[in-house]
Amino acid sequence: MRTISLNKCSEAEFIKFIRESLGLTQKQFGELIGKSPRTVADYESGKTMYNAATLKKLCNIKKIKIDFVASK
């Protein structure tokens, strides 16, 4: 299992990394996580933030453990 610290990459970079590592289009990835291609594009651009349920789906898809580091 690979560990990625969210304080070392943005949420937008993280979701794009997951999608690209699977070799999926935004449409295909959206179908996988139950979101529209527009929503995936908004996540990747940083326009919209995904919620905890979506984050859990992302981690389960790639079997990634998220190391949450509070930066406050």
PDB file of N, CA and C in Angstrom:
ATOM      1  N   MET A   1       0.841  -1.180   0.000  1.00  0.00           N
ATOM      2  CA  MET A   1       0.000   0.000   0.000  1.00  0.00           C
ATOM      3  C   MET A   1       0.883   1.239   0.000  1.00  0.00           C
ATOM      4  N   ARG A   2       0.557   2.169  -0.865  1.00  0.00           N
ATOM      5  CA  ARG A   2       1.311   3.405  -1.007  1.00  0.00           C
ATOM      6  C   ARG A   2       0.691   4.493  -0.133  1.00  0.00           C
ATOM      7  N   THR A   3       1.501   5.313   0.497  1.00  0.00           N
ATOM      8  CA  THR A   3       1.009   6.403   1.322  1.00  0.00           C
ATOM      9  C   THR A   3       1.296   7.730   0.642  1.00  0.00           C
ATOM     10  N   ILE A   4       0.275   8.563   0.521  1.00  0.00           N
ATOM     11  CA  ILE A   4       0.420   9.894  -0.052  1.00  0.00           C
ATOM     12  C   ILE A   4      -0.042  10.889   0.993  1.00  0.00           C
ATOM     13  N   SER A   5       0.770  11.868   1.281  1.00  0.00           N
ATOM     14  CA  SER A   5       0.400  12.901   2.236  1.00  0.00           C
ATOM     15  C   SER A   5      -0.267  14.046   1.491  1.00  0.00           C
ATOM     16  N   LEU A   6      -1.491  14.383   1.893  1.00  0.00           N
ATOM     17  CA  LEU A   6      -2.216  15.441   1.201  1.00  0.00           C
ATOM     18  C   LEU A   6      -1.569  16.805   1.377  1.00  0.00           C
ATOM     19  N   ASN A   7      -0.682  16.946   2.356  1.00  0.00           N
ATOM     20  CA  ASN A   7      -0.027  18.240   2.493  1.00  0.00           C
ATOM     21  C   ASN A   7       1.088  18.404   1.465  1.00  0.00           C
ATOM     22  N   LYS A   8       1.407  17.369   0.721  1.00  0.00           N
ATOM     23  CA  LYS A   8       2.453  17.442  -0.295  1.00  0.00           C
ATOM     24  C   LYS A   8       1.890  17.578  -1.701  1.00  0.00           C
ATOM     25  N   CYS A   9       0.597  17.451  -1.845  1.00  0.00           N
ATOM     26  CA  CYS A   9      -0.040  17.685  -3.135  1.00  0.00           C
ATOM     27  C   CYS A   9      -1.433  18.235  -2.880  1.00  0.00           C
ATOM     28  N   SER A  10      -1.935  18.963  -3.823  1.00  0.00           N
ATOM     29  CA  SER A  10      -3.275  19.522  -3.654  1.00  0.00           C
ATOM     30  C   SER A  10      -4.323  18.435  -3.883  1.00  0.00           C
ATOM     31  N   GLU A  11      -5.525  18.716  -3.431  1.00  0.00           N
ATOM     32  CA  GLU A  11      -6.624  17.778  -3.648  1.00  0.00           C
ATOM     33  C   GLU A  11      -6.867  17.588  -5.142  1.00  0.00           C
ATOM     34  N   ALA A  12      -6.713  18.666  -5.902  1.00  0.00           N
ATOM     35  CA  ALA A  12      -6.893  18.591  -7.357  1.00  0.00           C
ATOM     36  C   ALA A  12      -5.839  17.681  -7.985  1.00  0.00           C
ATOM     37  N   GLU A  13      -4.595  17.830  -7.557  1.00  0.00           N
ATOM     38  CA  GLU A  13      -3.517  16.982  -8.082  1.00  0.00           C
ATOM     39  C   GLU A  13      -3.747  15.527  -7.704  1.00  0.00           C
ATOM     40  N   PHE A  14      -4.258  15.294  -6.500  1.00  0.00           N
ATOM     41  CA  PHE A  14      -4.487  13.939  -6.019  1.00  0.00           C
ATOM     42  C   PHE A  14      -5.511  13.208  -6.876  1.00  0.00           C
ATOM     43  N   ILE A  15      -6.651  13.845  -7.122  1.00  0.00           N
ATOM     44  CA  ILE A  15      -7.699  13.167  -7.892  1.00  0.00           C
ATOM     45  C   ILE A  15      -7.254  12.948  -9.336  1.00  0.00           C
ATOM     46  N   LYS A  16      -6.524  13.895  -9.897  1.00  0.00           N
ATOM     47  CA  LYS A  16      -6.023  13.730 -11.267  1.00  0.00           C
ATOM     48  C   LYS A  16      -4.994  12.596 -11.319  1.00  0.00           C
ATOM     49  N   PHE A  17      -4.147  12.499 -10.297  1.00  0.00           N
ATOM     50  CA  PHE A  17      -3.171  11.415 -10.207  1.00  0.00           C
ATOM     51  C   PHE A  17      -3.872  10.058 -10.213  1.00  0.00           C
ATOM     52  N   ILE A  18      -4.919   9.940  -9.408  1.00  0.00           N
ATOM     53  CA  ILE A  18      -5.661   8.674  -9.333  1.00  0.00           C
ATOM     54  C   ILE A  18      -6.248   8.333 -10.703  1.00  0.00           C
ATOM     55  N   ARG A  19      -6.937   9.294 -11.312  1.00  0.00           N
ATOM     56  CA  ARG A  19      -7.580   9.048 -12.610  1.00  0.00           C
ATOM     57  C   ARG A  19      -6.564   8.661 -13.669  1.00  0.00           C
ATOM     58  N   GLU A  20      -5.485   9.430 -13.772  1.00  0.00           N
ATOM     59  CA  GLU A  20      -4.486   9.151 -14.804  1.00  0.00           C
ATOM     60  C   GLU A  20      -3.767   7.829 -14.558  1.00  0.00           C
ATOM     61  N   SER A  21      -3.553   7.481 -13.294  1.00  0.00           N
ATOM     62  CA  SER A  21      -2.881   6.208 -13.004  1.00  0.00           C
ATOM     63  C   SER A  21      -3.745   5.014 -13.394  1.00  0.00           C
ATOM     64  N   LEU A  22      -5.050   5.230 -13.465  1.00  0.00           N
ATOM     65  CA  LEU A  22      -5.965   4.181 -13.920  1.00  0.00           C
ATOM     66  C   LEU A  22      -6.128   4.188 -15.438  1.00  0.00           C
ATOM     67  N   GLY A  23      -5.614   5.221 -16.084  1.00  0.00           N
ATOM     68  CA  GLY A  23      -5.721   5.325 -17.538  1.00  0.00           C
ATOM     69  C   GLY A  23      -7.136   5.625 -18.014  1.00  0.00           C
ATOM     70  N   LEU A  24      -7.884   6.373 -17.213  1.00  0.00           N
ATOM     71  CA  LEU A  24      -9.281   6.645 -17.531  1.00  0.00           C
ATOM     72  C   LEU A  24      -9.494   8.087 -17.977  1.00  0.00           C
ATOM     73  N   THR A  25     -10.516   8.284 -18.803  1.00  0.00           N
ATOM     74  CA  THR A  25     -10.955   9.633 -19.149  1.00  0.00           C
ATOM     75  C   THR A  25     -11.750  10.181 -17.963  1.00  0.00           C
ATOM     76  N   GLN A  26     -12.028  11.473 -18.003  1.00  0.00           N
ATOM     77  CA  GLN A  26     -12.851  12.051 -16.941  1.00  0.00           C
ATOM     78  C   GLN A  26     -14.241  11.422 -16.933  1.00  0.00           C
ATOM     79  N   LYS A  27     -14.769  11.111 -18.100  1.00  0.00           N
ATOM     80  CA  LYS A  27     -16.091  10.466 -18.193  1.00  0.00           C
ATOM     81  C   LYS A  27     -16.062   9.078 -17.551  1.00  0.00           C
ATOM     82  N   GLN A  28     -15.064   8.276 -17.909  1.00  0.00           N
ATOM     83  CA  GLN A  28     -14.951   6.920 -17.358  1.00  0.00           C
ATOM     84  C   GLN A  28     -14.735   6.964 -15.845  1.00  0.00           C
ATOM     85  N   PHE A  29     -13.894   7.876 -15.407  1.00  0.00           N
ATOM     86  CA  PHE A  29     -13.600   7.999 -13.980  1.00  0.00           C
ATOM     87  C   PHE A  29     -14.844   8.450 -13.217  1.00  0.00           C
ATOM     88  N   GLY A  30     -15.583   9.390 -13.802  1.00  0.00           N
ATOM     89  CA  GLY A  30     -16.820   9.841 -13.181  1.00  0.00           C
ATOM     90  C   GLY A  30     -17.807   8.701 -12.990  1.00  0.00           C
ATOM     91  N   GLU A  31     -17.917   7.840 -13.989  1.00  0.00           N
ATOM     92  CA  GLU A  31     -18.804   6.678 -13.879  1.00  0.00           C
ATOM     93  C   GLU A  31     -18.346   5.754 -12.752  1.00  0.00           C
ATOM     94  N   LEU A  32     -17.049   5.613 -12.603  1.00  0.00           N
ATOM     95  CA  LEU A  32     -16.493   4.745 -11.567  1.00  0.00           C
ATOM     96  C   LEU A  32     -16.803   5.257 -10.159  1.00  0.00           C
ATOM     97  N   ILE A  33     -16.757   6.573  -9.975  1.00  0.00           N
ATOM     98  CA  ILE A  33     -16.983   7.135  -8.638  1.00  0.00           C
ATOM     99  C   ILE A  33     -18.380   7.736  -8.462  1.00  0.00           C
ATOM    100  N   GLY A  34     -19.222   7.589  -9.484  1.00  0.00           N
ATOM    101  CA  GLY A  34     -20.591   8.075  -9.376  1.00  0.00           C
ATOM    102  C   GLY A  34     -20.734   9.582  -9.505  1.00  0.00           C
ATOM    103  N   LYS A  35     -19.871  10.191 -10.317  1.00  0.00           N
ATOM    104  CA  LYS A  35     -19.905  11.642 -10.537  1.00  0.00           C
ATOM    105  C   LYS A  35     -19.917  11.926 -12.030  1.00  0.00           C
ATOM    106  N   SER A  36     -20.378  13.110 -12.398  1.00  0.00           N
ATOM    107  CA  SER A  36     -20.399  13.496 -13.810  1.00  0.00           C
ATOM    108  C   SER A  36     -18.992  13.884 -14.268  1.00  0.00           C
ATOM    109  N   PRO A  37     -18.737  13.824 -15.574  1.00  0.00           N
ATOM    110  CA  PRO A  37     -17.438  14.273 -16.093  1.00  0.00           C
ATOM    111  C   PRO A  37     -17.156  15.734 -15.721  1.00  0.00           C
ATOM    112  N   ARG A  38     -18.195  16.568 -15.693  1.00  0.00           N
ATOM    113  CA  ARG A  38     -18.033  17.984 -15.318  1.00  0.00           C
ATOM    114  C   ARG A  38     -17.553  18.103 -13.876  1.00  0.00           C
ATOM    115  N   THR A  39     -18.113  17.277 -12.988  1.00  0.00           N
ATOM    116  CA  THR A  39     -17.708  17.297 -11.585  1.00  0.00           C
ATOM    117  C   THR A  39     -16.258  16.861 -11.448  1.00  0.00           C
ATOM    118  N   VAL A  40     -15.864  15.823 -12.185  1.00  0.00           N
ATOM    119  CA  VAL A  40     -14.470  15.369 -12.156  1.00  0.00           C
ATOM    120  C   VAL A  40     -13.553  16.494 -12.630  1.00  0.00           C
ATOM    121  N   ALA A  41     -13.935  17.171 -13.704  1.00  0.00           N
ATOM    122  CA  ALA A  41     -13.137  18.293 -14.215  1.00  0.00           C
ATOM    123  C   ALA A  41     -13.035  19.402 -13.167  1.00  0.00           C
ATOM    124  N   ASP A  42     -14.135  19.669 -12.475  1.00  0.00           N
ATOM    125  CA  ASP A  42     -14.120  20.692 -11.423  1.00  0.00           C
ATOM    126  C   ASP A  42     -13.222  20.283 -10.259  1.00  0.00           C
ATOM    127  N   TYR A  43     -13.231  19.004  -9.899  1.00  0.00           N
ATOM    128  CA  TYR A  43     -12.323  18.515  -8.858  1.00  0.00           C
ATOM    129  C   TYR A  43     -10.871  18.736  -9.280  1.00  0.00           C
ATOM    130  N   GLU A  44     -10.564  18.350 -10.513  1.00  0.00           N
ATOM    131  CA  GLU A  44      -9.182  18.418 -11.001  1.00  0.00           C
ATOM    132  C   GLU A  44      -8.681  19.849 -11.171  1.00  0.00           C
ATOM    133  N   SER A  45      -9.576  20.774 -11.414  1.00  0.00           N
ATOM    134  CA  SER A  45      -9.174  22.173 -11.576  1.00  0.00           C
ATOM    135  C   SER A  45      -9.139  22.906 -10.239  1.00  0.00           C
ATOM    136  N   GLY A  46      -9.646  22.261  -9.202  1.00  0.00           N
ATOM    137  CA  GLY A  46      -9.694  22.891  -7.892  1.00  0.00           C
ATOM    138  C   GLY A  46     -10.912  23.781  -7.702  1.00  0.00           C
ATOM    139  N   LYS A  47     -11.804  23.787  -8.675  1.00  0.00           N
ATOM    140  CA  LYS A  47     -13.012  24.615  -8.603  1.00  0.00           C
ATOM    141  C   LYS A  47     -13.980  24.092  -7.546  1.00  0.00           C
ATOM    142  N   THR A  48     -14.031  22.780  -7.412  1.00  0.00           N
ATOM    143  CA  THR A  48     -14.917  22.121  -6.453  1.00  0.00           C
ATOM    144  C   THR A  48     -14.094  21.165  -5.604  1.00  0.00           C
ATOM    145  N   MET A  49     -14.434  21.055  -4.335  1.00  0.00           N
ATOM    146  CA  MET A  49     -13.755  20.133  -3.423  1.00  0.00           C
ATOM    147  C   MET A  49     -14.631  18.900  -3.230  1.00  0.00           C
ATOM    148  N   TYR A  50     -14.035  17.726  -3.276  1.00  0.00           N
ATOM    149  CA  TYR A  50     -14.808  16.509  -3.045  1.00  0.00           C
ATOM    150  C   TYR A  50     -14.969  16.276  -1.550  1.00  0.00           C
ATOM    151  N   ASN A  51     -15.986  15.483  -1.197  1.00  0.00           N
ATOM    152  CA  ASN A  51     -16.275  15.222   0.212  1.00  0.00           C
ATOM    153  C   ASN A  51     -15.571  13.951   0.696  1.00  0.00           C
ATOM    154  N   ALA A  52     -15.755  13.648   1.967  1.00  0.00           N
ATOM    155  CA  ALA A  52     -15.085  12.499   2.581  1.00  0.00           C
ATOM    156  C   ALA A  52     -15.506  11.178   1.941  1.00  0.00           C
ATOM    157  N   ALA A  53     -16.767  11.063   1.556  1.00  0.00           N
ATOM    158  CA  ALA A  53     -17.236   9.821   0.928  1.00  0.00           C
ATOM    159  C   ALA A  53     -16.539   9.591  -0.410  1.00  0.00           C
ATOM    160  N   THR A  54     -16.367  10.653  -1.181  1.00  0.00           N
ATOM    161  CA  THR A  54     -15.666  10.534  -2.463  1.00  0.00           C
ATOM    162  C   THR A  54     -14.196  10.221  -2.232  1.00  0.00           C
ATOM    163  N   LEU A  55     -13.588  10.848  -1.240  1.00  0.00           N
ATOM    164  CA  LEU A  55     -12.189  10.568  -0.912  1.00  0.00           C
ATOM    165  C   LEU A  55     -12.009   9.095  -0.554  1.00  0.00           C
ATOM    166  N   LYS A  56     -12.940   8.550   0.201  1.00  0.00           N
ATOM    167  CA  LYS A  56     -12.870   7.135   0.574  1.00  0.00           C
ATOM    168  C   LYS A  56     -12.953   6.245  -0.663  1.00  0.00           C
ATOM    169  N   LYS A  57     -13.851   6.588  -1.605  1.00  0.00           N
ATOM    170  CA  LYS A  57     -13.954   5.819  -2.849  1.00  0.00           C
ATOM    171  C   LYS A  57     -12.631   5.853  -3.607  1.00  0.00           C
ATOM    172  N   LEU A  58     -12.032   7.040  -3.682  1.00  0.00           N
ATOM    173  CA  LEU A  58     -10.760   7.188  -4.394  1.00  0.00           C
ATOM    174  C   LEU A  58      -9.690   6.293  -3.782  1.00  0.00           C
ATOM    175  N   CYS A  59      -9.618   6.301  -2.473  1.00  0.00           N
ATOM    176  CA  CYS A  59      -8.606   5.499  -1.784  1.00  0.00           C
ATOM    177  C   CYS A  59      -8.850   4.010  -1.962  1.00  0.00           C
ATOM    178  N   ASN A  60     -10.106   3.607  -1.920  1.00  0.00           N
ATOM    179  CA  ASN A  60     -10.433   2.195  -2.096  1.00  0.00           C
ATOM    180  C   ASN A  60     -10.121   1.712  -3.510  1.00  0.00           C
ATOM    181  N   ILE A  61     -10.343   2.569  -4.498  1.00  0.00           N
ATOM    182  CA  ILE A  61     -10.080   2.198  -5.885  1.00  0.00           C
ATOM    183  C   ILE A  61      -8.614   1.822  -6.077  1.00  0.00           C
ATOM    184  N   LYS A  62      -7.715   2.634  -5.533  1.00  0.00           N
ATOM    185  CA  LYS A  62      -6.275   2.409  -5.715  1.00  0.00           C
ATOM    186  C   LYS A  62      -5.609   1.772  -4.500  1.00  0.00           C
ATOM    187  N   LYS A  63      -6.404   1.446  -3.479  1.00  0.00           N
ATOM    188  CA  LYS A  63      -5.866   0.871  -2.249  1.00  0.00           C
ATOM    189  C   LYS A  63      -4.752   1.759  -1.690  1.00  0.00           C
ATOM    190  N   ILE A  64      -5.090   3.026  -1.545  1.00  0.00           N
ATOM    191  CA  ILE A  64      -4.148   4.023  -1.041  1.00  0.00           C
ATOM    192  C   ILE A  64      -4.543   4.404   0.373  1.00  0.00           C
ATOM    193  N   LYS A  65      -3.566   4.484   1.245  1.00  0.00           N
ATOM    194  CA  LYS A  65      -3.783   4.959   2.604  1.00  0.00           C
ATOM    195  C   LYS A  65      -3.462   6.448   2.619  1.00  0.00           C
ATOM    196  N   ILE A  66      -4.390   7.237   3.104  1.00  0.00           N
ATOM    197  CA  ILE A  66      -4.172   8.677   3.164  1.00  0.00           C
ATOM    198  C   ILE A  66      -3.618   9.037   4.533  1.00  0.00           C
ATOM    199  N   ASP A  67      -2.537   9.770   4.525  1.00  0.00           N
ATOM    200  CA  ASP A  67      -1.924  10.256   5.755  1.00  0.00           C
ATOM    201  C   ASP A  67      -2.339  11.717   5.926  1.00  0.00           C
ATOM    202  N   PHE A  68      -3.326  11.937   6.760  1.00  0.00           N
ATOM    203  CA  PHE A  68      -3.796  13.307   6.974  1.00  0.00           C
ATOM    204  C   PHE A  68      -2.860  14.011   7.952  1.00  0.00           C
ATOM    205  N   VAL A  69      -2.321  15.099   7.514  1.00  0.00           N
ATOM    206  CA  VAL A  69      -1.433  15.892   8.351  1.00  0.00           C
ATOM    207  C   VAL A  69      -2.054  17.271   8.507  1.00  0.00           C
ATOM    208  N   ALA A  70      -2.372  17.629   9.735  1.00  0.00           N
ATOM    209  CA  ALA A  70      -2.956  18.956   9.977  1.00  0.00           C
ATOM    210  C   ALA A  70      -1.870  20.003   9.813  1.00  0.00           C
ATOM    211  N   SER A  71      -2.148  20.955   8.979  1.00  0.00           N
ATOM    212  CA  SER A  71      -1.146  21.989   8.737  1.00  0.00           C
ATOM    213  C   SER A  71      -1.521  23.305   9.410  1.00  0.00           C
ATOM    214  N   LYS A  72      -2.507  23.270  10.266  1.00  0.00           N
ATOM    215  CA  LYS A  72      -2.944  24.499  10.942  1.00  0.00           C
ATOM    216  C   LYS A  72      -2.202  24.707  12.225  1.00  0.00           C
TER     217      LYS A  72
END
